[in-house]
Amino acid sequence: MAEDKKYYMTEEGLQKLEEELEHLKTTRRQEVVERIKLARDFGDLSENSEYDTAKEDQAFIEGRINQIENMIRNSVIIEDDGNNDEVSLGKSVTFKELPDGDEEVYTIVGSAESDPLEGKISNDSPMAQSLLGKRVGDVANVSTPGGDMEVEIINIQ
């Protein structure tokens, strides 16, 4: 049997998943059941778009519940090791694009809680892969959709 994928996340990320799971199981699941009941009252199900839409929503919710349960079951909590000498999972890294770019800050998290708009990048992303293991002052070559760029590590916390 294949080994399940591990989902690296912070304690905060795990808590958010647990809250989403609870909301889906209690609120959203019940809402869609009510919509299905209501749509059945409209009569012929073969031409009932409300019923079809509600059933599609139900399938999506059940799929998301299964996905989150799997992620929680296979979660690995990122512990702060107190070592800010090296870029690693759970660390925030400040870098600047060379030769004269602006400073940017990203936190490297597991794929389950990545959100680039919030400054959280997945440890599986090309950028994170380029930064992992680097130290302050090191230069990393980062592959981006717009081409390669060199960045200098300014701070790790």
N, C-alpha and C. Protein backbone atom coordinates (compact mmCIF):
# COMPACT_ATOMS: atom_id res chain seq x y z
N MET A 1 0.84 -1.18 0.00
CA MET A 1 0.00 0.00 0.00
C MET A 1 0.88 1.24 0.00
N ALA A 2 0.52 2.22 -0.78
CA ALA A 2 1.30 3.45 -0.89
C ALA A 2 1.22 4.24 0.41
N GLU A 3 2.33 4.89 0.74
CA GLU A 3 2.37 5.70 1.95
C GLU A 3 1.63 7.01 1.70
N ASP A 4 0.80 7.44 2.66
CA ASP A 4 0.05 8.69 2.53
C ASP A 4 0.99 9.88 2.55
N LYS A 5 0.61 10.90 1.79
CA LYS A 5 1.38 12.13 1.75
C LYS A 5 1.29 12.82 3.11
N LYS A 6 2.39 13.37 3.57
CA LYS A 6 2.41 14.14 4.81
C LYS A 6 2.08 15.59 4.49
N TYR A 7 1.30 16.22 5.34
CA TYR A 7 0.91 17.61 5.18
C TYR A 7 1.55 18.42 6.31
N TYR A 8 2.58 19.17 5.96
CA TYR A 8 3.27 19.98 6.94
C TYR A 8 2.49 21.27 7.14
N MET A 9 2.27 21.61 8.43
CA MET A 9 1.51 22.83 8.72
C MET A 9 1.83 23.32 10.12
N THR A 10 1.52 24.57 10.33
CA THR A 10 1.67 25.15 11.65
C THR A 10 0.47 24.76 12.50
N GLU A 11 0.57 24.99 13.78
CA GLU A 11 -0.55 24.73 14.69
C GLU A 11 -1.76 25.57 14.27
N GLU A 12 -1.50 26.82 13.84
CA GLU A 12 -2.56 27.71 13.37
C GLU A 12 -3.23 27.15 12.11
N GLY A 13 -2.43 26.62 11.19
CA GLY A 13 -2.98 26.03 9.97
C GLY A 13 -3.86 24.83 10.26
N LEU A 14 -3.43 24.00 11.21
CA LEU A 14 -4.23 22.84 11.61
C LEU A 14 -5.55 23.29 12.22
N GLN A 15 -5.50 24.31 13.05
CA GLN A 15 -6.71 24.82 13.68
C GLN A 15 -7.70 25.35 12.64
N LYS A 16 -7.20 26.05 11.62
CA LYS A 16 -8.08 26.56 10.56
C LYS A 16 -8.75 25.42 9.81
N LEU A 17 -7.98 24.35 9.53
CA LEU A 17 -8.57 23.18 8.85
C LEU A 17 -9.66 22.54 9.71
N GLU A 18 -9.38 22.41 11.00
CA GLU A 18 -10.37 21.80 11.90
C GLU A 18 -11.64 22.65 11.96
N GLU A 19 -11.49 23.98 11.95
CA GLU A 19 -12.66 24.86 11.95
C GLU A 19 -13.45 24.74 10.65
N GLU A 20 -12.74 24.67 9.52
CA GLU A 20 -13.42 24.50 8.24
C GLU A 20 -14.17 23.18 8.20
N LEU A 21 -13.54 22.12 8.70
CA LEU A 21 -14.17 20.80 8.72
C LEU A 21 -15.44 20.84 9.56
N GLU A 22 -15.38 21.45 10.72
CA GLU A 22 -16.56 21.55 11.59
C GLU A 22 -17.68 22.31 10.90
N HIS A 23 -17.34 23.42 10.23
CA HIS A 23 -18.34 24.23 9.52
C HIS A 23 -18.99 23.41 8.39
N LEU A 24 -18.17 22.68 7.65
CA LEU A 24 -18.71 21.86 6.55
C LEU A 24 -19.63 20.77 7.07
N LYS A 25 -19.22 20.10 8.15
CA LYS A 25 -20.00 18.98 8.67
C LYS A 25 -21.30 19.42 9.33
N THR A 26 -21.28 20.58 9.97
CA THR A 26 -22.48 21.00 10.70
C THR A 26 -23.35 21.92 9.87
N THR A 27 -22.81 23.03 9.44
CA THR A 27 -23.62 24.05 8.76
C THR A 27 -23.85 23.74 7.29
N ARG A 28 -22.78 23.63 6.51
CA ARG A 28 -22.92 23.49 5.05
C ARG A 28 -23.60 22.19 4.65
N ARG A 29 -23.28 21.11 5.32
CA ARG A 29 -23.90 19.82 4.99
C ARG A 29 -25.42 19.90 5.22
N GLN A 30 -25.82 20.50 6.32
CA GLN A 30 -27.25 20.61 6.63
C GLN A 30 -27.96 21.54 5.64
N GLU A 31 -27.29 22.64 5.24
CA GLU A 31 -27.88 23.56 4.28
C GLU A 31 -28.18 22.85 2.95
N VAL A 32 -27.24 22.06 2.48
CA VAL A 32 -27.44 21.41 1.18
C VAL A 32 -28.50 20.31 1.28
N VAL A 33 -28.61 19.65 2.41
CA VAL A 33 -29.67 18.65 2.59
C VAL A 33 -31.03 19.33 2.52
N GLU A 34 -31.15 20.49 3.13
CA GLU A 34 -32.41 21.25 3.08
C GLU A 34 -32.73 21.68 1.65
N ARG A 35 -31.71 22.09 0.90
CA ARG A 35 -31.92 22.49 -0.49
C ARG A 35 -32.38 21.31 -1.34
N ILE A 36 -31.84 20.13 -1.08
CA ILE A 36 -32.24 18.93 -1.82
C ILE A 36 -33.70 18.58 -1.51
N LYS A 37 -34.07 18.65 -0.23
CA LYS A 37 -35.46 18.38 0.16
C LYS A 37 -36.41 19.35 -0.54
N LEU A 38 -36.05 20.62 -0.53
CA LEU A 38 -36.88 21.64 -1.15
C LEU A 38 -37.00 21.41 -2.66
N ALA A 39 -35.90 21.07 -3.29
CA ALA A 39 -35.90 20.85 -4.74
C ALA A 39 -36.74 19.63 -5.11
N ARG A 40 -36.76 18.61 -4.27
CA ARG A 40 -37.58 17.42 -4.53
C ARG A 40 -39.06 17.77 -4.58
N ASP A 41 -39.43 18.76 -3.78
CA ASP A 41 -40.84 19.17 -3.74
C ASP A 41 -41.29 19.82 -5.04
N PHE A 42 -40.34 20.21 -5.90
CA PHE A 42 -40.69 20.85 -7.17
C PHE A 42 -41.17 19.83 -8.20
N GLY A 43 -41.05 18.56 -7.90
CA GLY A 43 -41.59 17.56 -8.83
C GLY A 43 -40.51 16.82 -9.60
N ASP A 44 -40.72 16.65 -10.90
CA ASP A 44 -39.89 15.86 -11.81
C ASP A 44 -38.40 16.21 -11.64
N LEU A 45 -37.63 15.24 -11.12
CA LEU A 45 -36.21 15.48 -10.86
C LEU A 45 -35.36 15.50 -12.14
N SER A 46 -35.87 14.92 -13.23
CA SER A 46 -35.08 14.85 -14.46
C SER A 46 -34.87 16.22 -15.09
N GLU A 47 -35.75 17.18 -14.81
CA GLU A 47 -35.61 18.52 -15.38
C GLU A 47 -35.55 19.58 -14.28
N ASN A 48 -35.01 19.21 -13.14
CA ASN A 48 -35.01 20.09 -11.99
C ASN A 48 -33.58 20.61 -11.74
N SER A 49 -33.31 21.83 -12.22
CA SER A 49 -31.96 22.37 -12.11
C SER A 49 -31.57 22.67 -10.66
N GLU A 50 -32.54 23.03 -9.82
CA GLU A 50 -32.23 23.29 -8.41
C GLU A 50 -31.74 22.01 -7.73
N TYR A 51 -32.39 20.90 -8.08
CA TYR A 51 -31.99 19.61 -7.51
C TYR A 51 -30.59 19.25 -7.99
N ASP A 52 -30.32 19.41 -9.29
CA ASP A 52 -29.00 19.08 -9.85
C ASP A 52 -27.90 19.91 -9.19
N THR A 53 -28.16 21.20 -9.04
CA THR A 53 -27.18 22.09 -8.43
C THR A 53 -26.93 21.71 -6.97
N ALA A 54 -27.97 21.41 -6.25
CA ALA A 54 -27.83 21.02 -4.84
C ALA A 54 -27.04 19.72 -4.71
N LYS A 55 -27.31 18.77 -5.60
CA LYS A 55 -26.56 17.50 -5.57
C LYS A 55 -25.08 17.71 -5.90
N GLU A 56 -24.80 18.62 -6.86
CA GLU A 56 -23.40 18.94 -7.17
C GLU A 56 -22.71 19.58 -5.98
N ASP A 57 -23.41 20.49 -5.30
CA ASP A 57 -22.85 21.12 -4.10
C ASP A 57 -22.60 20.08 -3.01
N GLN A 58 -23.52 19.14 -2.89
CA GLN A 58 -23.36 18.09 -1.89
C GLN A 58 -22.11 17.26 -2.19
N ALA A 59 -21.90 16.92 -3.45
CA ALA A 59 -20.72 16.14 -3.82
C ALA A 59 -19.44 16.92 -3.54
N PHE A 60 -19.46 18.22 -3.83
CA PHE A 60 -18.28 19.05 -3.56
C PHE A 60 -17.98 19.09 -2.07
N ILE A 61 -19.01 19.31 -1.25
CA ILE A 61 -18.83 19.40 0.20
C ILE A 61 -18.30 18.08 0.76
N GLU A 62 -18.87 16.96 0.32
CA GLU A 62 -18.41 15.65 0.81
C GLU A 62 -16.96 15.40 0.39
N GLY A 63 -16.61 15.80 -0.84
CA GLY A 63 -15.23 15.65 -1.30
C GLY A 63 -14.27 16.48 -0.48
N ARG A 64 -14.66 17.73 -0.17
CA ARG A 64 -13.81 18.61 0.64
C ARG A 64 -13.67 18.06 2.06
N ILE A 65 -14.75 17.52 2.63
CA ILE A 65 -14.69 16.91 3.96
C ILE A 65 -13.67 15.77 3.96
N ASN A 66 -13.73 14.90 2.95
CA ASN A 66 -12.78 13.78 2.86
C ASN A 66 -11.36 14.29 2.73
N GLN A 67 -11.17 15.32 1.91
CA GLN A 67 -9.84 15.89 1.71
C GLN A 67 -9.28 16.46 3.02
N ILE A 68 -10.08 17.23 3.74
CA ILE A 68 -9.62 17.83 4.99
C ILE A 68 -9.34 16.76 6.03
N GLU A 69 -10.21 15.76 6.13
CA GLU A 69 -9.98 14.68 7.10
C GLU A 69 -8.66 13.97 6.81
N ASN A 70 -8.36 13.75 5.54
CA ASN A 70 -7.09 13.13 5.16
C ASN A 70 -5.91 14.02 5.53
N MET A 71 -6.04 15.33 5.27
CA MET A 71 -4.96 16.26 5.60
C MET A 71 -4.71 16.30 7.10
N ILE A 72 -5.77 16.31 7.89
CA ILE A 72 -5.62 16.34 9.34
C ILE A 72 -4.99 15.03 9.83
N ARG A 73 -5.46 13.92 9.30
CA ARG A 73 -4.96 12.60 9.70
C ARG A 73 -3.46 12.46 9.40
N ASN A 74 -3.01 13.09 8.31
CA ASN A 74 -1.62 12.96 7.89
C ASN A 74 -0.81 14.24 8.13
N SER A 75 -1.30 15.07 9.07
CA SER A 75 -0.60 16.33 9.33
C SER A 75 0.65 16.12 10.17
N VAL A 76 1.64 16.95 9.90
CA VAL A 76 2.86 16.99 10.68
C VAL A 76 3.03 18.44 11.10
N ILE A 77 2.99 18.69 12.40
CA ILE A 77 3.08 20.06 12.91
C ILE A 77 4.52 20.54 12.83
N ILE A 78 4.68 21.74 12.27
CA ILE A 78 6.00 22.36 12.15
C ILE A 78 6.36 22.95 13.51
N GLU A 79 7.43 22.47 14.08
CA GLU A 79 7.89 22.96 15.37
C GLU A 79 8.96 24.02 15.17
N ASP A 80 8.94 25.07 15.98
CA ASP A 80 9.99 26.10 15.93
C ASP A 80 11.20 25.56 16.68
N ASP A 81 12.27 25.35 15.94
CA ASP A 81 13.47 24.80 16.55
C ASP A 81 14.35 25.88 17.18
N GLY A 82 13.94 27.14 17.05
CA GLY A 82 14.70 28.24 17.63
C GLY A 82 15.95 28.61 16.86
N ASN A 83 16.23 27.88 15.79
CA ASN A 83 17.42 28.12 14.99
C ASN A 83 17.06 29.01 13.82
N ASN A 84 17.50 30.27 13.87
CA ASN A 84 17.22 31.21 12.79
C ASN A 84 18.43 31.42 11.89
N ASP A 85 19.35 30.45 11.90
CA ASP A 85 20.56 30.56 11.07
C ASP A 85 20.31 30.09 9.64
N GLU A 86 19.28 29.27 9.45
CA GLU A 86 19.06 28.62 8.16
C GLU A 86 17.58 28.65 7.79
N VAL A 87 17.29 28.91 6.50
CA VAL A 87 15.91 28.92 6.03
C VAL A 87 15.37 27.49 6.10
N SER A 88 14.23 27.35 6.78
CA SER A 88 13.60 26.04 6.89
C SER A 88 12.09 26.22 7.00
N LEU A 89 11.39 25.13 6.97
CA LEU A 89 9.93 25.12 7.05
C LEU A 89 9.47 25.84 8.31
N GLY A 90 8.51 26.75 8.15
CA GLY A 90 7.98 27.50 9.27
C GLY A 90 8.68 28.82 9.52
N LYS A 91 9.76 29.09 8.82
CA LYS A 91 10.52 30.34 9.01
C LYS A 91 10.04 31.40 8.03
N SER A 92 10.16 32.66 8.47
CA SER A 92 9.95 33.80 7.58
C SER A 92 11.31 34.23 7.08
N VAL A 93 11.39 34.45 5.79
CA VAL A 93 12.67 34.84 5.19
C VAL A 93 12.49 36.16 4.45
N THR A 94 13.41 37.08 4.72
CA THR A 94 13.43 38.36 4.03
C THR A 94 14.57 38.31 3.03
N PHE A 95 14.28 38.68 1.78
CA PHE A 95 15.31 38.69 0.75
C PHE A 95 15.08 39.86 -0.18
N LYS A 96 16.12 40.17 -0.96
CA LYS A 96 15.95 41.20 -1.98
C LYS A 96 16.50 40.67 -3.28
N GLU A 97 15.81 41.08 -4.36
CA GLU A 97 16.25 40.68 -5.69
C GLU A 97 17.49 41.47 -6.05
N LEU A 98 18.47 40.78 -6.61
CA LEU A 98 19.71 41.43 -7.01
C LEU A 98 19.60 41.91 -8.45
N PRO A 99 20.16 43.02 -8.83
CA PRO A 99 21.13 43.78 -8.05
C PRO A 99 20.50 44.81 -7.11
N ASP A 100 19.33 45.33 -7.40
CA ASP A 100 18.81 46.43 -6.57
C ASP A 100 17.30 46.36 -6.37
N GLY A 101 16.79 45.20 -6.09
CA GLY A 101 15.34 45.04 -5.91
C GLY A 101 14.88 45.39 -4.52
N ASP A 102 13.56 45.45 -4.36
CA ASP A 102 12.96 45.72 -3.05
C ASP A 102 13.02 44.46 -2.18
N GLU A 103 12.97 44.66 -0.88
CA GLU A 103 12.92 43.54 0.04
C GLU A 103 11.53 42.91 0.03
N GLU A 104 11.50 41.61 0.12
CA GLU A 104 10.24 40.86 0.21
C GLU A 104 10.36 39.88 1.36
N VAL A 105 9.22 39.59 2.00
CA VAL A 105 9.19 38.66 3.12
C VAL A 105 8.16 37.57 2.83
N TYR A 106 8.58 36.33 2.97
CA TYR A 106 7.68 35.19 2.82
C TYR A 106 7.91 34.21 3.96
N THR A 107 6.83 33.57 4.37
CA THR A 107 6.92 32.49 5.34
C THR A 107 6.75 31.19 4.58
N ILE A 108 7.64 30.25 4.84
CA ILE A 108 7.59 28.96 4.16
C ILE A 108 6.75 28.01 5.01
N VAL A 109 5.64 27.58 4.43
CA VAL A 109 4.70 26.71 5.12
C VAL A 109 4.43 25.47 4.27
N GLY A 110 3.69 24.53 4.81
CA GLY A 110 3.29 23.37 4.04
C GLY A 110 2.25 23.74 2.99
N SER A 111 2.08 22.88 2.01
CA SER A 111 1.15 23.17 0.91
C SER A 111 -0.28 23.35 1.38
N ALA A 112 -0.65 22.73 2.49
CA ALA A 112 -2.02 22.81 2.99
C ALA A 112 -2.42 24.22 3.41
N GLU A 113 -1.46 25.04 3.79
CA GLU A 113 -1.82 26.38 4.26
C GLU A 113 -1.14 27.50 3.47
N SER A 114 -0.60 27.18 2.30
CA SER A 114 0.04 28.22 1.51
C SER A 114 -0.98 29.23 1.01
N ASP A 115 -0.58 30.48 1.01
CA ASP A 115 -1.43 31.58 0.54
C ASP A 115 -0.50 32.71 0.13
N PRO A 116 -0.05 32.71 -1.12
CA PRO A 116 0.91 33.72 -1.57
C PRO A 116 0.46 35.16 -1.34
N LEU A 117 -0.84 35.42 -1.41
CA LEU A 117 -1.33 36.78 -1.18
C LEU A 117 -1.13 37.21 0.28
N GLU A 118 -1.02 36.23 1.18
CA GLU A 118 -0.77 36.51 2.59
C GLU A 118 0.72 36.35 2.93
N GLY A 119 1.55 36.12 1.92
CA GLY A 119 2.98 35.98 2.16
C GLY A 119 3.39 34.60 2.65
N LYS A 120 2.54 33.60 2.43
CA LYS A 120 2.84 32.23 2.84
C LYS A 120 3.02 31.38 1.59
N ILE A 121 4.24 30.86 1.40
CA ILE A 121 4.50 30.05 0.20
C ILE A 121 4.74 28.60 0.60
N SER A 122 4.32 27.70 -0.28
CA SER A 122 4.44 26.27 -0.04
C SER A 122 5.91 25.84 -0.10
N ASN A 123 6.25 24.92 0.78
CA ASN A 123 7.60 24.37 0.76
C ASN A 123 7.88 23.59 -0.53
N ASP A 124 6.83 23.26 -1.28
CA ASP A 124 6.98 22.56 -2.55
C ASP A 124 7.20 23.52 -3.72
N SER A 125 7.00 24.83 -3.50
CA SER A 125 7.11 25.79 -4.59
C SER A 125 8.57 25.97 -5.02
N PRO A 126 8.79 26.32 -6.28
CA PRO A 126 10.17 26.54 -6.75
C PRO A 126 10.91 27.60 -5.93
N MET A 127 10.20 28.66 -5.52
CA MET A 127 10.85 29.70 -4.74
C MET A 127 11.33 29.15 -3.39
N ALA A 128 10.45 28.46 -2.69
CA ALA A 128 10.83 27.90 -1.39
C ALA A 128 11.96 26.88 -1.55
N GLN A 129 11.87 26.06 -2.58
CA GLN A 129 12.93 25.07 -2.81
C GLN A 129 14.29 25.74 -2.99
N SER A 130 14.29 26.90 -3.64
CA SER A 130 15.54 27.64 -3.85
C SER A 130 16.07 28.25 -2.57
N LEU A 131 15.18 28.58 -1.63
CA LEU A 131 15.57 29.27 -0.41
C LEU A 131 15.92 28.32 0.74
N LEU A 132 15.30 27.15 0.77
CA LEU A 132 15.52 26.21 1.88
C LEU A 132 17.01 25.86 2.02
N GLY A 133 17.47 25.92 3.26
CA GLY A 133 18.86 25.58 3.56
C GLY A 133 19.83 26.74 3.44
N LYS A 134 19.37 27.86 2.92
CA LYS A 134 20.25 29.02 2.77
C LYS A 134 20.38 29.77 4.10
N ARG A 135 21.43 30.60 4.19
CA ARG A 135 21.69 31.40 5.39
C ARG A 135 21.71 32.87 5.03
N VAL A 136 21.67 33.73 6.05
CA VAL A 136 21.74 35.18 5.82
C VAL A 136 23.03 35.48 5.05
N GLY A 137 22.88 36.28 3.99
CA GLY A 137 24.02 36.64 3.15
C GLY A 137 24.17 35.75 1.93
N ASP A 138 23.55 34.58 1.95
CA ASP A 138 23.63 33.67 0.79
C ASP A 138 22.82 34.24 -0.37
N VAL A 139 23.23 33.88 -1.56
CA VAL A 139 22.51 34.25 -2.78
C VAL A 139 21.88 32.98 -3.35
N ALA A 140 20.61 33.08 -3.71
CA ALA A 140 19.89 31.93 -4.27
C ALA A 140 19.39 32.28 -5.65
N ASN A 141 19.41 31.31 -6.54
CA ASN A 141 18.86 31.46 -7.88
C ASN A 141 17.44 30.90 -7.85
N VAL A 142 16.45 31.76 -8.09
CA VAL A 142 15.04 31.38 -7.99
C VAL A 142 14.43 31.34 -9.37
N SER A 143 13.81 30.22 -9.72
CA SER A 143 13.10 30.10 -10.99
C SER A 143 11.68 30.62 -10.81
N THR A 144 11.29 31.56 -11.68
CA THR A 144 9.92 32.10 -11.66
C THR A 144 9.35 31.99 -13.06
N PRO A 145 8.03 32.13 -13.20
CA PRO A 145 7.43 32.10 -14.54
C PRO A 145 8.01 33.18 -15.46
N GLY A 146 8.45 34.29 -14.86
CA GLY A 146 9.02 35.38 -15.65
C GLY A 146 10.50 35.21 -15.93
N GLY A 147 11.08 34.11 -15.51
CA GLY A 147 12.51 33.86 -15.71
C GLY A 147 13.22 33.74 -14.37
N ASP A 148 14.49 33.39 -14.44
CA ASP A 148 15.28 33.22 -13.23
C ASP A 148 15.66 34.57 -12.64
N MET A 149 15.79 34.60 -11.31
CA MET A 149 16.27 35.80 -10.63
C MET A 149 17.16 35.39 -9.48
N GLU A 150 18.09 36.27 -9.14
CA GLU A 150 18.96 36.03 -8.00
C GLU A 150 18.48 36.86 -6.84
N VAL A 151 18.44 36.24 -5.66
CA VAL A 151 18.02 36.95 -4.46
C VAL A 151 19.07 36.75 -3.36
N GLU A 152 19.21 37.76 -2.52
CA GLU A 152 20.11 37.67 -1.37
C GLU A 152 19.28 37.57 -0.11
N ILE A 153 19.61 36.61 0.76
CA ILE A 153 18.90 36.43 2.01
C ILE A 153 19.34 37.54 2.97
N ILE A 154 18.37 38.30 3.49
CA ILE A 154 18.64 39.42 4.39
C ILE A 154 18.40 39.04 5.85
N ASN A 155 17.30 38.31 6.09
CA ASN A 155 16.93 37.97 7.47
C ASN A 155 16.14 36.67 7.50
N ILE A 156 16.28 35.94 8.59
CA ILE A 156 15.51 34.70 8.82
C ILE A 156 14.94 34.79 10.23
N GLN A 157 13.66 34.55 10.36
CA GLN A 157 13.07 34.54 11.71
C GLN A 157 11.95 33.55 11.81
